[in-house]
Amino acid sequence: MQRRNPRLGLISICGAGGTAAAMIIER
């Protein structure tokens, strides 16, 4: 994991988590 852009890392994690959560909730 890179520490140069912590914001990008958080955004990526939030985006992936949000997408997975949305798919799980839809089911």
N, C-alpha and C. Protein backbone atom coordinates (compact mmCIF):
# COMPACT_ATOMS: atom_id res chain seq x y z
N MET A 1 0.87 -1.21 0.00
CA MET A 1 0.00 0.00 0.00
C MET A 1 0.90 1.25 0.00
N GLN A 2 0.54 2.21 -0.79
CA GLN A 2 1.34 3.43 -0.87
C GLN A 2 0.84 4.47 0.13
N ARG A 3 1.77 5.15 0.76
CA ARG A 3 1.39 6.20 1.74
C ARG A 3 1.46 7.58 1.11
N ARG A 4 1.76 7.65 -0.19
CA ARG A 4 1.89 8.96 -0.83
C ARG A 4 0.52 9.63 -0.96
N ASN A 5 -0.49 8.86 -1.32
CA ASN A 5 -1.83 9.45 -1.50
C ASN A 5 -2.84 8.68 -0.65
N PRO A 6 -2.91 8.98 0.66
CA PRO A 6 -3.85 8.28 1.54
C PRO A 6 -5.29 8.52 1.10
N ARG A 7 -5.57 9.70 0.57
CA ARG A 7 -6.95 10.00 0.14
C ARG A 7 -7.37 9.07 -0.99
N LEU A 8 -6.48 8.85 -1.95
CA LEU A 8 -6.82 7.96 -3.08
C LEU A 8 -7.09 6.56 -2.55
N GLY A 9 -6.28 6.12 -1.57
CA GLY A 9 -6.48 4.78 -1.00
C GLY A 9 -7.84 4.68 -0.34
N LEU A 10 -8.20 5.72 0.45
CA LEU A 10 -9.51 5.69 1.14
C LEU A 10 -10.63 5.69 0.12
N ILE A 11 -10.49 6.51 -0.93
CA ILE A 11 -11.54 6.59 -1.96
C ILE A 11 -11.69 5.23 -2.64
N SER A 12 -10.55 4.59 -2.94
CA SER A 12 -10.61 3.28 -3.61
C SER A 12 -11.31 2.26 -2.72
N ILE A 13 -10.93 2.25 -1.42
CA ILE A 13 -11.54 1.29 -0.49
C ILE A 13 -13.04 1.60 -0.36
N CYS A 14 -13.38 2.86 -0.20
CA CYS A 14 -14.80 3.23 -0.04
C CYS A 14 -15.57 2.86 -1.30
N GLY A 15 -14.99 3.12 -2.46
CA GLY A 15 -15.67 2.80 -3.72
C GLY A 15 -15.89 1.30 -3.86
N ALA A 16 -14.85 0.51 -3.62
CA ALA A 16 -14.99 -0.95 -3.74
C ALA A 16 -15.98 -1.46 -2.69
N GLY A 17 -15.85 -1.00 -1.45
CA GLY A 17 -16.76 -1.44 -0.38
C GLY A 17 -18.19 -1.04 -0.70
N GLY A 18 -18.39 0.18 -1.17
CA GLY A 18 -19.74 0.64 -1.48
C GLY A 18 -20.36 -0.19 -2.60
N THR A 19 -19.57 -0.49 -3.62
CA THR A 19 -20.09 -1.30 -4.74
C THR A 19 -20.47 -2.69 -4.24
N ALA A 20 -19.60 -3.32 -3.46
CA ALA A 20 -19.88 -4.67 -2.94
C ALA A 20 -21.11 -4.62 -2.04
N ALA A 21 -21.19 -3.63 -1.17
CA ALA A 21 -22.34 -3.52 -0.25
C ALA A 21 -23.62 -3.34 -1.05
N ALA A 22 -23.59 -2.50 -2.08
CA ALA A 22 -24.79 -2.27 -2.89
C ALA A 22 -25.24 -3.58 -3.54
N MET A 23 -24.31 -4.35 -4.09
CA MET A 23 -24.67 -5.62 -4.74
C MET A 23 -25.25 -6.59 -3.71
N ILE A 24 -24.64 -6.63 -2.51
CA ILE A 24 -25.14 -7.55 -1.47
C ILE A 24 -26.53 -7.10 -1.01
N ILE A 25 -26.72 -5.79 -0.83
CA ILE A 25 -28.03 -5.28 -0.36
C ILE A 25 -29.09 -5.59 -1.42
N GLU A 26 -28.74 -5.40 -2.69
CA GLU A 26 -29.73 -5.67 -3.76
C GLU A 26 -30.19 -7.12 -3.70
N ARG A 27 -29.26 -8.02 -3.40
CA ARG A 27 -29.63 -9.44 -3.32
C ARG A 27 -30.36 -9.67 -2.01
